PDB file of N, CA and C in Angstrom:
ATOM      1  N   MET A   1      83.051 126.613  94.878  1.00  0.00           N
ATOM      2  CA  MET A   1      83.924 125.555  94.430  1.00  0.00           C
ATOM      3  C   MET A   1      83.855 124.404  95.430  1.00  0.00           C
ATOM      4  N   LYS A   2      84.054 123.199  94.940  1.00  0.00           N
ATOM      5  CA  LYS A   2      83.992 122.002  95.777  1.00  0.00           C
ATOM      6  C   LYS A   2      85.390 121.400  95.928  1.00  0.00           C
ATOM      7  N   ALA A   3      85.587 120.703  97.052  1.00  0.00           N
ATOM      8  CA  ALA A   3      86.874 120.058  97.305  1.00  0.00           C
ATOM      9  C   ALA A   3      86.641 118.691  97.926  1.00  0.00           C
ATOM     10  N   ALA A   4      87.490 117.734  97.543  1.00  0.00           N
ATOM     11  CA  ALA A   4      87.545 116.418  98.182  1.00  0.00           C
ATOM     12  C   ALA A   4      88.912 116.328  98.846  1.00  0.00           C
ATOM     13  N   LEU A   5      88.944 115.901 100.098  1.00  0.00           N
ATOM     14  CA  LEU A   5      90.186 115.864 100.868  1.00  0.00           C
ATOM     15  C   LEU A   5      90.679 114.432 101.007  1.00  0.00           C
ATOM     16  N   TYR A   6      91.995 114.277 100.908  1.00  0.00           N
ATOM     17  CA  TYR A   6      92.628 112.971 101.055  1.00  0.00           C
ATOM     18  C   TYR A   6      93.860 113.139 101.931  1.00  0.00           C
ATOM     19  N   ALA A   7      93.986 112.303 102.936  1.00  0.00           N
ATOM     20  CA  ALA A   7      95.156 112.335 103.816  1.00  0.00           C
ATOM     21  C   ALA A   7      95.635 110.911 104.033  1.00  0.00           C
ATOM     22  N   ARG A   8      96.946 110.780 104.258  1.00  0.00           N
ATOM     23  CA  ARG A   8      97.497 109.449 104.483  1.00  0.00           C
ATOM     24  C   ARG A   8      98.760 109.543 105.324  1.00  0.00           C
ATOM     25  N   VAL A   9      99.131 108.438 105.890  1.00  0.00           N
ATOM     26  CA  VAL A   9     100.400 108.313 106.603  1.00  0.00           C
ATOM     27  C   VAL A   9     101.389 107.734 105.605  1.00  0.00           C
ATOM     28  N   SER A  10     102.481 108.456 105.374  1.00  0.00           N
ATOM     29  CA  SER A  10     103.404 108.030 104.326  1.00  0.00           C
ATOM     30  C   SER A  10     104.623 107.261 104.838  1.00  0.00           C
ATOM     31  N   THR A  11     104.880 107.317 106.144  1.00  0.00           N
ATOM     32  CA  THR A  11     106.026 106.584 106.685  1.00  0.00           C
ATOM     33  C   THR A  11     105.641 105.917 108.000  1.00  0.00           C
ATOM     34  N   ASP A  12     106.415 104.947 108.405  1.00  0.00           N
ATOM     35  CA  ASP A  12     106.182 104.287 109.689  1.00  0.00           C
ATOM     36  C   ASP A  12     106.444 105.218 110.861  1.00  0.00           C
ATOM     37  N   GLU A  13     107.191 106.294 110.617  1.00  0.00           N
ATOM     38  CA  GLU A  13     107.551 107.218 111.685  1.00  0.00           C
ATOM     39  C   GLU A  13     106.426 108.204 112.016  1.00  0.00           C
ATOM     40  N   GLN A  14     105.454 108.339 111.127  1.00  0.00           N
ATOM     41  CA  GLN A  14     104.356 109.268 111.376  1.00  0.00           C
ATOM     42  C   GLN A  14     103.342 108.658 112.324  1.00  0.00           C
ATOM     43  N   ARG A  15     102.724 109.509 113.115  1.00  0.00           N
ATOM     44  CA  ARG A  15     101.667 109.064 114.018  1.00  0.00           C
ATOM     45  C   ARG A  15     100.369 108.919 113.235  1.00  0.00           C
ATOM     46  N   LYS A  16      99.532 107.997 113.633  1.00  0.00           N
ATOM     47  CA  LYS A  16      98.232 107.835 112.993  1.00  0.00           C
ATOM     48  C   LYS A  16      97.400 109.107 113.121  1.00  0.00           C
ATOM     49  N   GLU A  17      97.597 109.839 114.226  1.00  0.00           N
ATOM     50  CA  GLU A  17      96.858 111.082 114.453  1.00  0.00           C
ATOM     51  C   GLU A  17      97.193 112.138 113.413  1.00  0.00           C
ATOM     52  N   SER A  18      98.308 111.969 112.700  1.00  0.00           N
ATOM     53  CA  SER A  18      98.678 112.971 111.703  1.00  0.00           C
ATOM     54  C   SER A  18      97.630 113.050 110.590  1.00  0.00           C
ATOM     55  N   ILE A  19      96.896 111.973 110.370  1.00  0.00           N
ATOM     56  CA  ILE A  19      95.814 112.013 109.381  1.00  0.00           C
ATOM     57  C   ILE A  19      94.765 113.025 109.817  1.00  0.00           C
ATOM     58  N   ASP A  20      94.387 112.991 111.076  1.00  0.00           N
ATOM     59  CA  ASP A  20      93.416 113.967 111.591  1.00  0.00           C
ATOM     60  C   ASP A  20      93.972 115.382 111.483  1.00  0.00           C
ATOM     61  N   ASP A  21      95.252 115.540 111.782  1.00  0.00           N
ATOM     62  CA  ASP A  21      95.894 116.853 111.682  1.00  0.00           C
ATOM     63  C   ASP A  21      95.873 117.360 110.238  1.00  0.00           C
ATOM     64  N   GLN A  22      96.182 116.474 109.299  1.00  0.00           N
ATOM     65  CA  GLN A  22      96.182 116.859 107.887  1.00  0.00           C
ATOM     66  C   GLN A  22      94.789 117.285 107.433  1.00  0.00           C
ATOM     67  N   LEU A  23      93.786 116.496 107.789  1.00  0.00           N
ATOM     68  CA  LEU A  23      92.425 116.828 107.387  1.00  0.00           C
ATOM     69  C   LEU A  23      91.956 118.138 108.024  1.00  0.00           C
ATOM     70  N   ARG A  24      92.312 118.353 109.270  1.00  0.00           N
ATOM     71  CA  ARG A  24      91.932 119.598 109.944  1.00  0.00           C
ATOM     72  C   ARG A  24      92.533 120.805 109.221  1.00  0.00           C
ATOM     73  N   GLU A  25      93.802 120.701 108.861  1.00  0.00           N
ATOM     74  CA  GLU A  25      94.447 121.803 108.146  1.00  0.00           C
ATOM     75  C   GLU A  25      93.816 122.006 106.766  1.00  0.00           C
ATOM     76  N   CYS A  26      93.505 120.926 106.080  1.00  0.00           N
ATOM     77  CA  CYS A  26      92.843 121.044 104.776  1.00  0.00           C
ATOM     78  C   CYS A  26      91.476 121.702 104.907  1.00  0.00           C
ATOM     79  N   ARG A  27      90.722 121.320 105.931  1.00  0.00           N
ATOM     80  CA  ARG A  27      89.422 121.954 106.172  1.00  0.00           C
ATOM     81  C   ARG A  27      89.578 123.454 106.416  1.00  0.00           C
ATOM     82  N   ASN A  28      90.609 123.820 107.194  1.00  0.00           N
ATOM     83  CA  ASN A  28      90.852 125.241 107.466  1.00  0.00           C
ATOM     84  C   ASN A  28      91.156 126.012 106.181  1.00  0.00           C
ATOM     85  N   VAL A  29      91.983 125.434 105.329  1.00  0.00           N
ATOM     86  CA  VAL A  29      92.306 126.076 104.051  1.00  0.00           C
ATOM     87  C   VAL A  29      91.038 126.228 103.211  1.00  0.00           C
ATOM     88  N   CYS A  30      90.246 125.169 103.146  1.00  0.00           N
ATOM     89  CA  CYS A  30      89.010 125.220 102.360  1.00  0.00           C
ATOM     90  C   CYS A  30      88.059 126.281 102.899  1.00  0.00           C
ATOM     91  N   ARG A  31      87.940 126.374 104.193  1.00  0.00           N
ATOM     92  CA  ARG A  31      87.058 127.372 104.803  1.00  0.00           C
ATOM     93  C   ARG A  31      87.525 128.786 104.438  1.00  0.00           C
ATOM     94  N   ARG A  32      88.841 129.023 104.530  1.00  0.00           N
ATOM     95  CA  ARG A  32      89.375 130.351 104.205  1.00  0.00           C
ATOM     96  C   ARG A  32      89.180 130.701 102.732  1.00  0.00           C
ATOM     97  N   GLN A  33      89.245 129.687 101.876  1.00  0.00           N
ATOM     98  CA  GLN A  33      89.123 129.927 100.440  1.00  0.00           C
ATOM     99  C   GLN A  33      87.677 129.860  99.943  1.00  0.00           C
ATOM    100  N   GLY A  34      86.762 129.464 100.823  1.00  0.00           N
ATOM    101  CA  GLY A  34      85.352 129.396 100.443  1.00  0.00           C
ATOM    102  C   GLY A  34      84.954 128.123  99.708  1.00  0.00           C
ATOM    103  N   PHE A  35      85.741 127.058  99.851  1.00  0.00           N
ATOM    104  CA  PHE A  35      85.424 125.786  99.206  1.00  0.00           C
ATOM    105  C   PHE A  35      84.438 124.997 100.059  1.00  0.00           C
ATOM    106  N   ASP A  36      83.590 124.220  99.409  1.00  0.00           N
ATOM    107  CA  ASP A  36      82.708 123.281 100.084  1.00  0.00           C
ATOM    108  C   ASP A  36      83.368 121.904 100.063  1.00  0.00           C
ATOM    109  N   VAL A  37      83.634 121.340 101.232  1.00  0.00           N
ATOM    110  CA  VAL A  37      84.231 120.008 101.309  1.00  0.00           C
ATOM    111  C   VAL A  37      83.103 118.988 101.108  1.00  0.00           C
ATOM    112  N   ILE A  38      83.214 118.184 100.052  1.00  0.00           N
ATOM    113  CA  ILE A  38      82.149 117.232  99.733  1.00  0.00           C
ATOM    114  C   ILE A  38      82.520 115.793 100.079  1.00  0.00           C
ATOM    115  N   ALA A  39      83.831 115.534 100.323  1.00  0.00           N
ATOM    116  CA  ALA A  39      84.246 114.170 100.677  1.00  0.00           C
ATOM    117  C   ALA A  39      85.598 114.233 101.371  1.00  0.00           C
ATOM    118  N   GLU A  40      85.832 113.232 102.220  1.00  0.00           N
ATOM    119  CA  GLU A  40      87.119 113.068 102.899  1.00  0.00           C
ATOM    120  C   GLU A  40      87.494 111.594 102.899  1.00  0.00           C
ATOM    121  N   TRP A  41      88.785 111.331 102.622  1.00  0.00           N
ATOM    122  CA  TRP A  41      89.296 109.967 102.698  1.00  0.00           C
ATOM    123  C   TRP A  41      90.449 109.941 103.630  1.00  0.00           C
TER     124      TRP A  41
END
């Protein structure tokens, strides 16, 4: 199965680094589930 990942900062209170954190967690989930990540935004 394939996956495209999308992360964003939704409030002014969030750190810009939270995007990297979100993508890292999504990659981990995909790896555990056997998904191939084909794109990231």
